[in-house]
């Protein structure tokens, strides 16, 4: 058994690696650029939504509010007519920034590393072979980075192509995490 605190270096290094690899995957390589599509008549739709001053949050149109309301003829008619909309409203800012999101992403990378360290630390001893450490930590990291995104396509109709690209990203992050842990595993 290896205590999590003894694994602070691979946790930190793997988080830094994943942070930079995610930059390359999202900002340099072009394959995520098609994850979101432009709404037809974007300016008119945005202007129409501004009039309602919708607070930031997650919304659904139509929204029944519960099982009983969803059985009503009015709701059923709205559902049948469509369009069905799932949307997240975010407050506008003077210019696009991602500082808070990037900080939270790095914290998330640390959390995934902590869980990978915890599981591997319970199962493996100091001096465990690279391949075994790699297998444990990359599997846990892949799970942390990827599996929950499948729910977005199952329940919220996110495009499967965008979801599979994100799962692939998680595989790359998981393999990177496993590589770092295998390299820095204590003797």
Foldseek 3Di string as FASTA:
>chain_A
DADLVVVLVLLLVLLVVLLVVVCCLPPPDCPLVPQDDADVVNVVVVVVVVVVVDDFDKDWPPDQPDDVSCPDPVNVVRVVVDDIDIDGDDDDDPDDDCVVVSVVSSVLSSVLLSVLSVQCRVVDDFPPALVVLLVSQLVSQLCSQADVLVVCCVPVVRDVSSNVSSSVSSSVSSNSSSNSCSVPGGD
